Amino acid sequence: MTEGAHAAGTAPAALSERQKKHLRALAHALKPLIRLGTAGVTAALSAEAARALHDHELIKVQGPGGDRAVRDELFAALARETGSALVQRIGNVAVLYRARTPQPRILIPDR
């Protein structure tokens, strides 16, 4: 299992491929909880994503259509702001993970 939740703005511990695969499987059935708009990553959006990560640990985020590089940067910025790990990005949807402290709900395999 990885270390506990990280404070917003700090980098999470890197996930191994095995851990990412496990989290991707868990995220498959999830619906996006956060939708990125034209304003990008705002303070309010970061706060809402951090709250969702605290409640669920694993969330899907839907990004805007358009330029892939811009969308990738938005997902990376949101992960940085919330102290979460970017598990996967497919099209307009990204999966973010941040373990809850002190008792994580999602147990991921060791490296």
C-alpha atoms as a PDB file:
ATOM      1  CA  MET A   1       0.000   0.000   0.000  1.00  0.00           C
ATOM      2  CA  THR A   2       1.238   3.539  -0.701  1.00  0.00           C
ATOM      3  CA  GLU A   3       1.726   6.229   1.844  1.00  0.00           C
ATOM      4  CA  GLY A   4      -1.249   8.197   3.131  1.00  0.00           C
ATOM      5  CA  ALA A   5      -2.925  11.196   1.579  1.00  0.00           C
ATOM      6  CA  HIS A   6      -0.779  14.096   0.631  1.00  0.00           C
ATOM      7  CA  ALA A   7      -1.450  17.719   1.363  1.00  0.00           C
ATOM      8  CA  ALA A   8      -2.691  19.716  -1.587  1.00  0.00           C
ATOM      9  CA  GLY A   9       0.142  20.972  -3.731  1.00  0.00           C
ATOM     10  CA  THR A  10       2.609  18.223  -2.839  1.00  0.00           C
ATOM     11  CA  ALA A  11       3.635  15.380  -5.092  1.00  0.00           C
ATOM     12  CA  PRO A  12       2.230  11.934  -4.268  1.00  0.00           C
ATOM     13  CA  ALA A  13       4.353   8.820  -4.174  1.00  0.00           C
ATOM     14  CA  ALA A  14       4.756   7.292  -7.628  1.00  0.00           C
ATOM     15  CA  LEU A  15       2.508   4.334  -8.337  1.00  0.00           C
ATOM     16  CA  SER A  16       3.863   1.146  -9.843  1.00  0.00           C
ATOM     17  CA  GLU A  17       2.288  -0.287 -13.008  1.00  0.00           C
ATOM     18  CA  ARG A  18       0.703  -3.041 -10.927  1.00  0.00           C
ATOM     19  CA  GLN A  19      -0.899  -0.463  -8.631  1.00  0.00           C
ATOM     20  CA  LYS A  20      -2.112   1.615 -11.583  1.00  0.00           C
ATOM     21  CA  LYS A  21      -3.631  -1.472 -13.190  1.00  0.00           C
ATOM     22  CA  HIS A  22      -5.521  -2.245  -9.971  1.00  0.00           C
ATOM     23  CA  LEU A  23      -6.799   1.340  -9.715  1.00  0.00           C
ATOM     24  CA  ARG A  24      -7.811   1.414 -13.399  1.00  0.00           C
ATOM     25  CA  ALA A  25      -9.899  -1.713 -12.832  1.00  0.00           C
ATOM     26  CA  LEU A  26     -11.611  -0.104  -9.837  1.00  0.00           C
ATOM     27  CA  ALA A  27     -12.241   3.121 -11.769  1.00  0.00           C
ATOM     28  CA  HIS A  28     -13.750   1.417 -14.804  1.00  0.00           C
ATOM     29  CA  ALA A  29     -17.347   1.609 -13.560  1.00  0.00           C
ATOM     30  CA  LEU A  30     -17.068   5.128 -12.105  1.00  0.00           C
ATOM     31  CA  LYS A  31     -18.770   8.155 -13.614  1.00  0.00           C
ATOM     32  CA  PRO A  32     -16.902  11.506 -13.789  1.00  0.00           C
ATOM     33  CA  LEU A  33     -17.435  13.513 -10.587  1.00  0.00           C
ATOM     34  CA  ILE A  34     -15.594  16.635 -11.729  1.00  0.00           C
ATOM     35  CA  ARG A  35     -15.932  18.425 -15.058  1.00  0.00           C
ATOM     36  CA  LEU A  36     -13.254  20.839 -16.201  1.00  0.00           C
ATOM     37  CA  GLY A  37     -14.706  23.842 -17.988  1.00  0.00           C
ATOM     38  CA  THR A  38     -13.323  26.628 -20.106  1.00  0.00           C
ATOM     39  CA  ALA A  39     -11.985  28.399 -16.996  1.00  0.00           C
ATOM     40  CA  GLY A  40      -9.532  25.542 -16.430  1.00  0.00           C
ATOM     41  CA  VAL A  41      -8.261  24.629 -12.976  1.00  0.00           C
ATOM     42  CA  THR A  42      -9.637  27.265 -10.610  1.00  0.00           C
ATOM     43  CA  ALA A  43      -9.353  27.427  -6.828  1.00  0.00           C
ATOM     44  CA  ALA A  44     -12.992  26.355  -6.496  1.00  0.00           C
ATOM     45  CA  LEU A  45     -12.509  23.407  -8.851  1.00  0.00           C
ATOM     46  CA  SER A  46      -9.354  22.324  -7.012  1.00  0.00           C
ATOM     47  CA  ALA A  47     -11.188  22.508  -3.679  1.00  0.00           C
ATOM     48  CA  GLU A  48     -14.095  20.449  -5.027  1.00  0.00           C
ATOM     49  CA  ALA A  49     -11.722  17.855  -6.504  1.00  0.00           C
ATOM     50  CA  ALA A  50      -9.813  17.660  -3.195  1.00  0.00           C
ATOM     51  CA  ARG A  51     -13.093  17.117  -1.340  1.00  0.00           C
ATOM     52  CA  ALA A  52     -14.114  14.395  -3.814  1.00  0.00           C
ATOM     53  CA  LEU A  53     -10.709  12.717  -3.421  1.00  0.00           C
ATOM     54  CA  HIS A  54     -11.052  12.833   0.356  1.00  0.00           C
ATOM     55  CA  ASP A  55     -14.505  11.248   0.153  1.00  0.00           C
ATOM     56  CA  HIS A  56     -13.834   8.695  -2.599  1.00  0.00           C
ATOM     57  CA  GLU A  57     -10.015   8.412  -2.982  1.00  0.00           C
ATOM     58  CA  LEU A  58     -10.453   7.478  -6.661  1.00  0.00           C
ATOM     59  CA  ILE A  59     -12.308   9.810  -9.027  1.00  0.00           C
ATOM     60  CA  LYS A  60     -12.828  10.407 -12.711  1.00  0.00           C
ATOM     61  CA  VAL A  61     -12.466  13.907 -14.135  1.00  0.00           C
ATOM     62  CA  GLN A  62     -13.918  14.903 -17.484  1.00  0.00           C
ATOM     63  CA  GLY A  63     -11.955  17.489 -19.414  1.00  0.00           C
ATOM     64  CA  PRO A  64     -12.910  19.767 -22.283  1.00  0.00           C
ATOM     65  CA  GLY A  65     -12.679  18.634 -25.870  1.00  0.00           C
ATOM     66  CA  GLY A  66     -10.138  20.184 -28.169  1.00  0.00           C
ATOM     67  CA  ASP A  67      -6.363  20.228 -27.974  1.00  0.00           C
ATOM     68  CA  ARG A  68      -4.909  17.117 -26.361  1.00  0.00           C
ATOM     69  CA  ALA A  69      -1.815  18.876 -24.996  1.00  0.00           C
ATOM     70  CA  VAL A  70      -3.948  21.513 -23.260  1.00  0.00           C
ATOM     71  CA  ARG A  71      -6.187  18.828 -21.781  1.00  0.00           C
ATOM     72  CA  ASP A  72      -3.164  16.834 -20.557  1.00  0.00           C
ATOM     73  CA  GLU A  73      -1.767  19.958 -18.870  1.00  0.00           C
ATOM     74  CA  LEU A  74      -5.132  20.641 -17.184  1.00  0.00           C
ATOM     75  CA  PHE A  75      -5.227  17.090 -15.794  1.00  0.00           C
ATOM     76  CA  ALA A  76      -1.604  17.344 -14.622  1.00  0.00           C
ATOM     77  CA  ALA A  77      -2.282  20.725 -12.991  1.00  0.00           C
ATOM     78  CA  LEU A  78      -5.329  19.368 -11.172  1.00  0.00           C
ATOM     79  CA  ALA A  79      -3.317  16.386  -9.930  1.00  0.00           C
ATOM     80  CA  ARG A  80      -0.583  18.759  -8.656  1.00  0.00           C
ATOM     81  CA  GLU A  81      -3.105  21.071  -6.972  1.00  0.00           C
ATOM     82  CA  THR A  82      -4.858  18.214  -5.181  1.00  0.00           C
ATOM     83  CA  GLY A  83      -1.730  16.199  -4.337  1.00  0.00           C
ATOM     84  CA  SER A  84      -3.103  13.226  -6.220  1.00  0.00           C
ATOM     85  CA  ALA A  85      -1.664  10.754  -8.698  1.00  0.00           C
ATOM     86  CA  LEU A  86      -2.790  10.773 -12.313  1.00  0.00           C
ATOM     87  CA  VAL A  87      -3.562   7.071 -12.805  1.00  0.00           C
ATOM     88  CA  GLN A  88      -4.843   7.166 -16.365  1.00  0.00           C
ATOM     89  CA  ARG A  89      -6.037   9.445 -19.129  1.00  0.00           C
ATOM     90  CA  ILE A  90      -8.191   8.226 -21.972  1.00  0.00           C
ATOM     91  CA  GLY A  91      -9.658  10.811 -24.302  1.00  0.00           C
ATOM     92  CA  ASN A  92     -11.400  13.512 -22.283  1.00  0.00           C
ATOM     93  CA  VAL A  93     -11.420  11.523 -19.027  1.00  0.00           C
ATOM     94  CA  ALA A  94      -8.701  11.172 -16.401  1.00  0.00           C
ATOM     95  CA  VAL A  95      -8.552   9.065 -13.244  1.00  0.00           C
ATOM     96  CA  LEU A  96      -7.032  10.582 -10.094  1.00  0.00           C
ATOM     97  CA  TYR A  97      -6.109   8.767  -6.870  1.00  0.00           C
ATOM     98  CA  ARG A  98      -5.166  10.036  -3.435  1.00  0.00           C
ATOM     99  CA  ALA A  99      -5.159   7.742  -0.400  1.00  0.00           C
ATOM    100  CA  ARG A 100      -7.097   8.928   2.611  1.00  0.00           C
ATOM    101  CA  THR A 101      -5.404   9.233   5.974  1.00  0.00           C
ATOM    102  CA  PRO A 102      -5.398   7.707   8.465  1.00  0.00           C
ATOM    103  CA  GLN A 103      -7.535   4.844   7.110  1.00  0.00           C
ATOM    104  CA  PRO A 104      -7.606   4.411   3.356  1.00  0.00           C
ATOM    105  CA  ARG A 105     -10.718   2.772   1.923  1.00  0.00           C
ATOM    106  CA  ILE A 106      -8.963   1.472  -1.167  1.00  0.00           C
ATOM    107  CA  LEU A 107      -6.185  -0.980  -0.520  1.00  0.00           C
ATOM    108  CA  ILE A 108      -3.775  -1.217  -3.408  1.00  0.00           C
ATOM    109  CA  PRO A 109      -1.165  -3.941  -3.839  1.00  0.00           C
ATOM    110  CA  ASP A 110       2.402  -3.354  -2.730  1.00  0.00           C
ATOM    111  CA  ARG A 111       4.990  -2.588  -5.347  1.00  0.00           C
END
